[in-house]
Amino acid sequence: MSNWRARGPVRWAAYALVAVALALLPFALAQVGTTWVRITNYAILYVLLALGLNIVVGFAGLLDLGYIAFYAVGAYTYALLASPHFGLHLPFWIILPIGAGIAALFGALLGAPTLKLRGDYLAIVTLGFGEIVRIFLNNLSRPVNITSGPQGIARIDAFSVDGFSFARPQTIAGLEFSGPVKYYYLLLAVMLAVILINLRLQNSRIGRAWEAIREDEVAARAMGIHTRNLKLLAFAMGASFGGVAGGMFAAIQAFISPESFVLVESIMVVSMVVLGGMGNIWGVILGAVLLSFTPEILRWTVEPVQNALFGRQLIEPEVIRMLLFGLALVLIMLFRPAGLLPSAVRKRELTEHTA
């Protein structure tokens, strides 16, 4: 207790420094270019997706390879209710809860028939679900045009509150706030709220029940845990975070199409959870940030390096970028199989297994 109290001021000082850094980050990035502010916004969206998937994979131990489908559901819900497509322009604070609710419903629909599946079988079913949703979105344009098919939905409304639009640049208190900067602060607030919810869930009775199901479902059922309802709850809650992230993605992008929700995106989110450390909230955030920024950093460095060394492009930058990206993931999985910041339970499991 004395150590805790002694470290209290240092802890709060560290929190204050992190808060100041996060508050000033978009203005520092804007000095380089607004592109990096946009990249940061998309990184926060990936953090939201990774935290949602961590509930399913990290807390409950259910492998989901079709998680991007809930992202698509949230994005299309926002696009259909806030665009000229159906002539509806509802405010975002109404659409986002609707998108989260519809995504949670889809999560429960996915979880219901897969309650007895584990491992590879569950992975295959969830993978198929993600592809089915994408194919439906790609084909729901005839005989009634619902999603505009592969053409997507354009001119989606930006977030706005009483004339304050998040998409338009604006000067506030002498500071220039561009659209990406304003969205950054909104996304940051949503991310902090989602982190708080995850922390509360992890230490709650529900979180401990999920952990028991992950470790041994038979033993958890014998202890009186209602495994069916809790697994459905994990699918629904994880999906709801994906729905919120999808709605915010649609507002920021102002255009969506089925090509934004391909299988590679699902694999990317799963990689973020595994890389950071399944079940560890801070590890998942680290994995999402690293896998969001690393490809972009490689994109900006591969081409100049080739020009400096050889005077021309010998290999396409995209090919080199993906090779380096894949190599880094393989090395991390070889030397840090539990992830960069593994949870205590996961780390103990791997230590006992290797011993």
Protein backbone atom coordinates (compact mmCIF):
# COMPACT_ATOMS: atom_id res chain seq x y z
CA MET A 1 0.00 0.00 0.00
CA SER A 2 2.82 2.39 0.81
CA ASN A 3 4.43 1.68 -2.57
CA TRP A 4 1.12 2.36 -4.29
CA ARG A 5 0.75 5.69 -2.51
CA ALA A 6 4.36 6.61 -3.19
CA ARG A 7 3.93 5.96 -6.87
CA GLY A 8 0.60 7.80 -7.03
CA PRO A 9 1.97 11.26 -7.98
CA VAL A 10 4.33 9.71 -10.54
CA ARG A 11 1.47 7.73 -12.04
CA TRP A 12 -0.76 10.79 -12.33
CA ALA A 13 2.11 12.83 -13.79
CA ALA A 14 2.58 10.13 -16.44
CA TYR A 15 -1.15 10.21 -17.21
CA ALA A 16 -1.01 14.00 -17.56
CA LEU A 17 1.95 13.80 -19.95
CA VAL A 18 0.14 11.21 -22.09
CA ALA A 19 -2.99 13.40 -22.14
CA VAL A 20 -1.00 16.46 -23.24
CA ALA A 21 0.80 14.43 -25.92
CA LEU A 22 -2.48 13.08 -27.29
CA ALA A 23 -4.02 16.57 -27.27
CA LEU A 24 -1.10 18.12 -29.20
CA LEU A 25 -0.48 15.15 -31.53
CA PRO A 26 -2.69 16.27 -34.46
CA PHE A 27 -1.09 19.73 -34.57
CA ALA A 28 2.39 18.18 -34.59
CA LEU A 29 1.37 15.79 -37.38
CA ALA A 30 -0.26 18.63 -39.32
CA GLN A 31 3.15 20.27 -39.62
CA VAL A 32 4.22 17.27 -41.71
CA GLY A 33 0.93 17.06 -43.59
CA THR A 34 -2.75 16.40 -42.96
CA THR A 35 -2.23 12.97 -44.52
CA TRP A 36 -0.64 11.76 -41.28
CA VAL A 37 -3.58 13.10 -39.28
CA ARG A 38 -5.90 11.05 -41.49
CA ILE A 39 -3.67 8.00 -41.04
CA THR A 40 -3.87 8.52 -37.27
CA ASN A 41 -7.67 8.69 -37.49
CA TYR A 42 -7.78 5.39 -39.35
CA ALA A 43 -5.37 3.93 -36.79
CA ILE A 44 -7.85 4.84 -34.04
CA LEU A 45 -10.60 3.12 -36.03
CA TYR A 46 -8.45 0.00 -36.12
CA VAL A 47 -7.96 0.29 -32.36
CA LEU A 48 -11.75 0.30 -31.94
CA LEU A 49 -12.03 -2.77 -34.18
CA ALA A 50 -9.22 -4.59 -32.36
CA LEU A 51 -10.76 -3.86 -28.95
CA GLY A 52 -14.10 -5.20 -30.16
CA LEU A 53 -12.54 -8.36 -31.57
CA ASN A 54 -10.51 -8.79 -28.39
CA ILE A 55 -13.76 -9.36 -26.50
CA VAL A 56 -14.54 -12.32 -28.75
CA VAL A 57 -11.02 -13.70 -29.26
CA GLY A 58 -9.10 -12.51 -26.19
CA PHE A 59 -11.73 -12.64 -23.46
CA ALA A 60 -14.03 -15.46 -24.60
CA GLY A 61 -11.52 -17.44 -26.69
CA LEU A 62 -13.74 -17.63 -29.81
CA LEU A 63 -11.87 -17.28 -33.10
CA ASP A 64 -13.67 -14.88 -35.47
CA LEU A 65 -12.28 -14.38 -38.97
CA GLY A 66 -15.32 -12.52 -40.28
CA TYR A 67 -15.28 -9.60 -37.86
CA ILE A 68 -15.03 -7.03 -40.65
CA ALA A 69 -18.66 -7.88 -41.53
CA PHE A 70 -19.85 -5.95 -38.46
CA TYR A 71 -17.69 -3.03 -39.54
CA ALA A 72 -19.50 -3.16 -42.88
CA VAL A 73 -22.92 -3.34 -41.22
CA GLY A 74 -22.21 -0.22 -39.17
CA ALA A 75 -20.81 1.64 -42.19
CA TYR A 76 -23.76 0.82 -44.46
CA THR A 77 -26.27 1.62 -41.72
CA TYR A 78 -24.79 5.09 -41.40
CA ALA A 79 -24.52 5.52 -45.19
CA LEU A 80 -28.15 4.54 -45.83
CA LEU A 81 -29.51 6.79 -43.06
CA ALA A 82 -27.27 9.82 -43.71
CA SER A 83 -26.96 10.27 -47.46
CA PRO A 84 -29.06 11.20 -50.51
CA HIS A 85 -29.36 7.48 -51.33
CA PHE A 86 -32.73 7.18 -49.56
CA GLY A 87 -33.09 10.90 -48.94
CA LEU A 88 -32.55 10.45 -45.21
CA HIS A 89 -30.21 12.71 -43.26
CA LEU A 90 -30.56 11.65 -39.65
CA PRO A 91 -28.16 13.06 -37.05
CA PHE A 92 -25.15 10.93 -36.22
CA TRP A 93 -25.98 10.55 -32.50
CA ILE A 94 -29.11 8.65 -33.57
CA ILE A 95 -27.50 6.57 -36.32
CA LEU A 96 -24.46 5.37 -34.38
CA PRO A 97 -26.54 3.60 -31.66
CA ILE A 98 -28.74 2.13 -34.40
CA GLY A 99 -25.65 0.85 -36.23
CA ALA A 100 -24.24 -0.60 -33.02
CA GLY A 101 -27.57 -2.32 -32.29
CA ILE A 102 -27.89 -3.80 -35.79
CA ALA A 103 -24.27 -4.99 -35.68
CA ALA A 104 -24.92 -6.58 -32.26
CA LEU A 105 -27.95 -8.35 -33.74
CA PHE A 106 -25.80 -9.69 -36.58
CA GLY A 107 -23.24 -10.78 -33.99
CA ALA A 108 -25.89 -12.75 -32.12
CA LEU A 109 -27.11 -14.25 -35.41
CA LEU A 110 -23.56 -15.38 -36.13
CA GLY A 111 -23.03 -16.70 -32.61
CA ALA A 112 -26.28 -18.67 -32.31
CA PRO A 113 -25.51 -21.44 -34.84
CA THR A 114 -21.84 -21.64 -33.87
CA LEU A 115 -22.20 -22.19 -30.12
CA LYS A 116 -20.85 -25.75 -30.25
CA LEU A 117 -18.05 -25.02 -32.72
CA ARG A 118 -14.46 -24.45 -31.67
CA GLY A 119 -11.09 -23.94 -33.32
CA ASP A 120 -10.82 -24.43 -37.07
CA TYR A 121 -14.53 -25.12 -37.56
CA LEU A 122 -15.51 -21.85 -35.89
CA ALA A 123 -12.88 -20.00 -37.93
CA ILE A 124 -14.26 -21.39 -41.22
CA VAL A 125 -17.86 -20.52 -40.35
CA THR A 126 -17.03 -16.97 -39.29
CA LEU A 127 -14.85 -16.50 -42.37
CA GLY A 128 -17.78 -17.59 -44.55
CA PHE A 129 -20.10 -15.19 -42.71
CA GLY A 130 -17.81 -12.26 -43.47
CA GLU A 131 -17.70 -13.16 -47.15
CA ILE A 132 -21.47 -13.66 -47.31
CA VAL A 133 -22.10 -10.17 -45.93
CA ARG A 134 -19.68 -8.64 -48.45
CA ILE A 135 -21.28 -10.52 -51.36
CA PHE A 136 -24.75 -9.44 -50.24
CA LEU A 137 -23.64 -5.81 -50.13
CA ASN A 138 -22.16 -6.25 -53.60
CA ASN A 139 -25.38 -7.61 -55.07
CA LEU A 140 -28.20 -5.77 -53.28
CA SER A 141 -28.71 -3.37 -56.17
CA ARG A 142 -31.38 -5.26 -58.11
CA PRO A 143 -34.36 -5.45 -58.37
CA VAL A 144 -34.43 -2.84 -55.58
CA ASN A 145 -31.35 -0.69 -55.22
CA ILE A 146 -30.43 -0.90 -51.55
CA THR A 147 -26.63 -0.72 -51.49
CA SER A 148 -25.79 0.45 -55.06
CA GLY A 149 -23.75 -2.74 -55.44
CA PRO A 150 -20.07 -2.34 -56.36
CA GLN A 151 -20.57 1.37 -57.10
CA GLY A 152 -21.00 2.03 -53.39
CA ILE A 153 -22.71 4.95 -51.68
CA ALA A 154 -21.31 8.47 -52.05
CA ARG A 155 -21.99 11.91 -50.57
CA ILE A 156 -22.41 10.55 -47.07
CA ASP A 157 -23.09 13.22 -44.46
CA ALA A 158 -20.26 14.25 -42.17
CA PHE A 159 -20.85 14.50 -38.44
CA SER A 160 -22.36 17.84 -37.48
CA VAL A 161 -23.84 19.39 -34.34
CA ASP A 162 -25.96 22.56 -34.63
CA GLY A 163 -24.10 23.78 -37.69
CA PHE A 164 -20.70 22.70 -36.36
CA SER A 165 -19.46 20.37 -39.09
CA PHE A 166 -16.55 18.03 -38.41
CA ALA A 167 -15.65 18.00 -42.11
CA ARG A 168 -15.06 21.74 -42.64
CA PRO A 169 -11.97 23.65 -41.43
CA GLN A 170 -12.71 26.07 -38.62
CA THR A 171 -10.78 28.51 -36.45
CA ILE A 172 -11.41 28.09 -32.74
CA ALA A 173 -9.66 30.25 -30.12
CA GLY A 174 -7.11 31.30 -32.74
CA LEU A 175 -6.25 27.70 -33.68
CA GLU A 176 -6.96 26.23 -37.11
CA PHE A 177 -8.92 22.99 -36.81
CA SER A 178 -9.13 21.11 -40.09
CA GLY A 179 -11.66 18.35 -40.70
CA PRO A 180 -9.24 15.50 -39.87
CA VAL A 181 -8.11 17.27 -36.68
CA LYS A 182 -11.69 17.68 -35.46
CA TYR A 183 -12.43 14.04 -36.24
CA TYR A 184 -9.28 13.06 -34.37
CA TYR A 185 -10.60 14.47 -31.09
CA LEU A 186 -13.99 12.83 -31.58
CA LEU A 187 -12.38 9.49 -32.36
CA LEU A 188 -10.05 9.88 -29.38
CA ALA A 189 -13.02 10.45 -27.06
CA VAL A 190 -14.82 7.39 -28.43
CA MET A 191 -11.64 5.30 -28.11
CA LEU A 192 -11.17 6.31 -24.47
CA ALA A 193 -14.80 5.39 -23.76
CA VAL A 194 -14.34 1.97 -25.41
CA ILE A 195 -11.13 1.37 -23.44
CA LEU A 196 -12.94 2.20 -20.20
CA ILE A 197 -15.77 -0.21 -21.10
CA ASN A 198 -13.23 -2.95 -21.87
CA LEU A 199 -11.41 -2.39 -18.57
CA ARG A 200 -14.66 -2.58 -16.64
CA LEU A 201 -15.72 -5.70 -18.52
CA GLN A 202 -12.41 -7.46 -17.99
CA ASN A 203 -12.61 -7.12 -14.20
CA SER A 204 -16.34 -7.82 -13.95
CA ARG A 205 -18.14 -11.11 -13.30
CA ILE A 206 -18.91 -11.33 -17.01
CA GLY A 207 -15.25 -10.89 -17.92
CA ARG A 208 -14.17 -13.58 -15.47
CA ALA A 209 -16.87 -15.88 -16.81
CA TRP A 210 -15.57 -15.32 -20.35
CA GLU A 211 -12.07 -16.17 -19.13
CA ALA A 212 -13.39 -19.38 -17.56
CA ILE A 213 -15.08 -20.34 -20.84
CA ARG A 214 -11.87 -19.63 -22.72
CA GLU A 215 -9.79 -21.82 -20.40
CA ASP A 216 -12.18 -24.77 -20.08
CA GLU A 217 -15.78 -24.55 -21.28
CA VAL A 218 -16.81 -27.88 -19.72
CA ALA A 219 -15.48 -26.84 -16.30
CA ALA A 220 -17.13 -23.42 -16.64
CA ARG A 221 -20.49 -25.07 -17.36
CA ALA A 222 -20.03 -27.38 -14.37
CA MET A 223 -19.46 -24.31 -12.17
CA GLY A 224 -22.86 -22.94 -13.16
CA ILE A 225 -21.78 -20.47 -15.85
CA HIS A 226 -24.40 -20.11 -18.59
CA THR A 227 -21.95 -20.58 -21.45
CA ARG A 228 -24.50 -20.21 -24.25
CA ASN A 229 -25.73 -16.78 -23.18
CA LEU A 230 -22.25 -15.50 -22.38
CA LYS A 231 -20.84 -16.60 -25.73
CA LEU A 232 -23.73 -14.86 -27.50
CA LEU A 233 -23.07 -11.77 -25.38
CA ALA A 234 -19.41 -11.81 -26.40
CA PHE A 235 -20.31 -11.97 -30.09
CA ALA A 236 -22.92 -9.21 -29.72
CA MET A 237 -20.77 -6.83 -27.66
CA GLY A 238 -17.74 -7.28 -29.89
CA ALA A 239 -19.88 -6.69 -32.97
CA SER A 240 -21.39 -3.49 -31.51
CA PHE A 241 -17.94 -1.88 -31.27
CA GLY A 242 -17.36 -2.84 -34.90
CA GLY A 243 -20.67 -1.20 -35.82
CA VAL A 244 -19.68 2.07 -34.12
CA ALA A 245 -16.30 2.06 -35.89
CA GLY A 246 -18.02 1.38 -39.22
CA GLY A 247 -20.38 4.33 -38.81
CA MET A 248 -17.49 6.66 -38.04
CA PHE A 249 -15.54 5.30 -41.00
CA ALA A 250 -18.45 6.06 -43.35
CA ALA A 251 -18.73 9.64 -42.04
CA ILE A 252 -14.99 10.30 -42.36
CA GLN A 253 -14.66 8.67 -45.78
CA ALA A 254 -17.92 10.11 -47.21
CA PHE A 255 -17.96 7.09 -49.55
CA ILE A 256 -18.11 3.35 -48.98
CA SER A 257 -18.20 0.28 -51.19
CA PRO A 258 -17.95 -3.48 -50.57
CA GLU A 259 -14.26 -3.35 -51.51
CA SER A 260 -13.56 -1.63 -48.19
CA PHE A 261 -14.60 -4.77 -46.28
CA VAL A 262 -12.64 -7.60 -47.85
CA LEU A 263 -11.18 -10.63 -46.06
CA VAL A 264 -7.74 -9.01 -45.82
CA GLU A 265 -9.19 -6.42 -43.44
CA SER A 266 -10.48 -9.15 -41.13
CA ILE A 267 -7.09 -10.86 -41.15
CA MET A 268 -5.45 -7.51 -40.37
CA VAL A 269 -7.64 -6.96 -37.30
CA VAL A 270 -7.03 -10.52 -36.06
CA SER A 271 -3.28 -9.93 -36.54
CA MET A 272 -3.50 -6.80 -34.40
CA VAL A 273 -5.07 -8.75 -31.55
CA VAL A 274 -2.60 -11.64 -31.81
CA LEU A 275 0.44 -9.39 -32.26
CA GLY A 276 -0.36 -7.15 -29.31
CA GLY A 277 -1.36 -9.97 -26.97
CA MET A 278 -4.77 -11.64 -26.83
CA GLY A 279 -6.71 -10.68 -23.74
CA ASN A 280 -4.48 -7.72 -22.86
CA ILE A 281 -6.23 -4.44 -23.65
CA TRP A 282 -3.05 -2.36 -23.78
CA GLY A 283 -1.31 -5.01 -25.88
CA VAL A 284 -4.18 -5.00 -28.38
CA ILE A 285 -3.96 -1.21 -28.64
CA LEU A 286 -0.21 -1.46 -29.25
CA GLY A 287 -0.72 -4.10 -31.93
CA ALA A 288 -3.36 -1.99 -33.68
CA VAL A 289 -1.17 1.12 -33.67
CA LEU A 290 1.90 -0.75 -34.96
CA LEU A 291 0.06 -2.54 -37.76
CA SER A 292 -1.70 0.68 -38.76
CA PHE A 293 1.40 2.86 -39.01
CA THR A 294 4.06 0.36 -40.14
CA PRO A 295 2.63 -0.18 -43.67
CA GLU A 296 2.33 3.57 -44.17
CA ILE A 297 5.89 4.20 -42.96
CA LEU A 298 7.16 1.49 -45.30
CA ARG A 299 5.13 3.02 -48.13
CA TRP A 300 6.94 6.34 -47.66
CA THR A 301 10.44 4.84 -47.27
CA VAL A 302 10.71 1.92 -49.72
CA GLU A 303 10.60 3.99 -52.91
CA PRO A 304 13.19 6.64 -51.84
CA VAL A 305 15.58 3.91 -50.61
CA GLN A 306 15.43 2.09 -53.96
CA ASN A 307 16.00 5.33 -55.85
CA ALA A 308 18.99 6.18 -53.63
CA LEU A 309 20.60 2.74 -53.95
CA PHE A 310 19.85 1.79 -57.56
CA GLY A 311 18.66 4.99 -59.22
CA ARG A 312 15.40 3.33 -60.19
CA GLN A 313 12.66 1.03 -58.94
CA LEU A 314 13.81 -2.60 -59.24
CA ILE A 315 10.82 -4.04 -57.37
CA GLU A 316 7.41 -2.51 -56.91
CA PRO A 317 7.27 -0.70 -53.54
CA GLU A 318 4.01 -2.46 -52.69
CA VAL A 319 5.66 -5.89 -53.11
CA ILE A 320 8.61 -4.95 -50.88
CA ARG A 321 6.29 -3.39 -48.34
CA MET A 322 4.23 -6.56 -48.02
CA LEU A 323 7.35 -8.78 -47.87
CA LEU A 324 8.87 -6.72 -45.06
CA PHE A 325 5.53 -6.56 -43.31
CA GLY A 326 5.08 -10.34 -43.49
CA LEU A 327 8.67 -10.99 -42.38
CA ALA A 328 8.20 -8.78 -39.32
CA LEU A 329 5.05 -10.66 -38.33
CA VAL A 330 6.76 -14.05 -38.75
CA LEU A 331 9.72 -12.98 -36.60
CA ILE A 332 7.47 -11.63 -33.88
CA MET A 333 5.43 -14.83 -33.81
CA LEU A 334 8.64 -16.87 -33.56
CA PHE A 335 10.21 -14.90 -30.74
CA ARG A 336 7.10 -13.47 -29.01
CA PRO A 337 4.35 -16.08 -29.60
CA ALA A 338 2.20 -14.64 -26.81
CA GLY A 339 2.33 -11.18 -28.38
CA LEU A 340 4.24 -8.04 -27.55
CA LEU A 341 2.29 -7.41 -24.33
CA PRO A 342 0.70 -10.75 -23.43
CA SER A 343 -1.84 -11.10 -20.66
CA ALA A 344 -0.58 -12.77 -17.50
CA VAL A 345 -2.76 -15.86 -18.07
CA ARG A 346 -1.69 -16.24 -21.70
CA LYS A 347 1.98 -15.83 -20.82
CA ARG A 348 1.74 -18.43 -18.06
CA GLU A 349 0.00 -20.88 -20.40
CA LEU A 350 2.76 -20.67 -23.00
CA THR A 351 5.50 -20.89 -20.36
CA GLU A 352 3.99 -24.06 -18.91
CA HIS A 353 3.46 -25.54 -22.38
CA THR A 354 7.06 -24.97 -23.49
CA ALA A 355 8.40 -26.22 -20.15
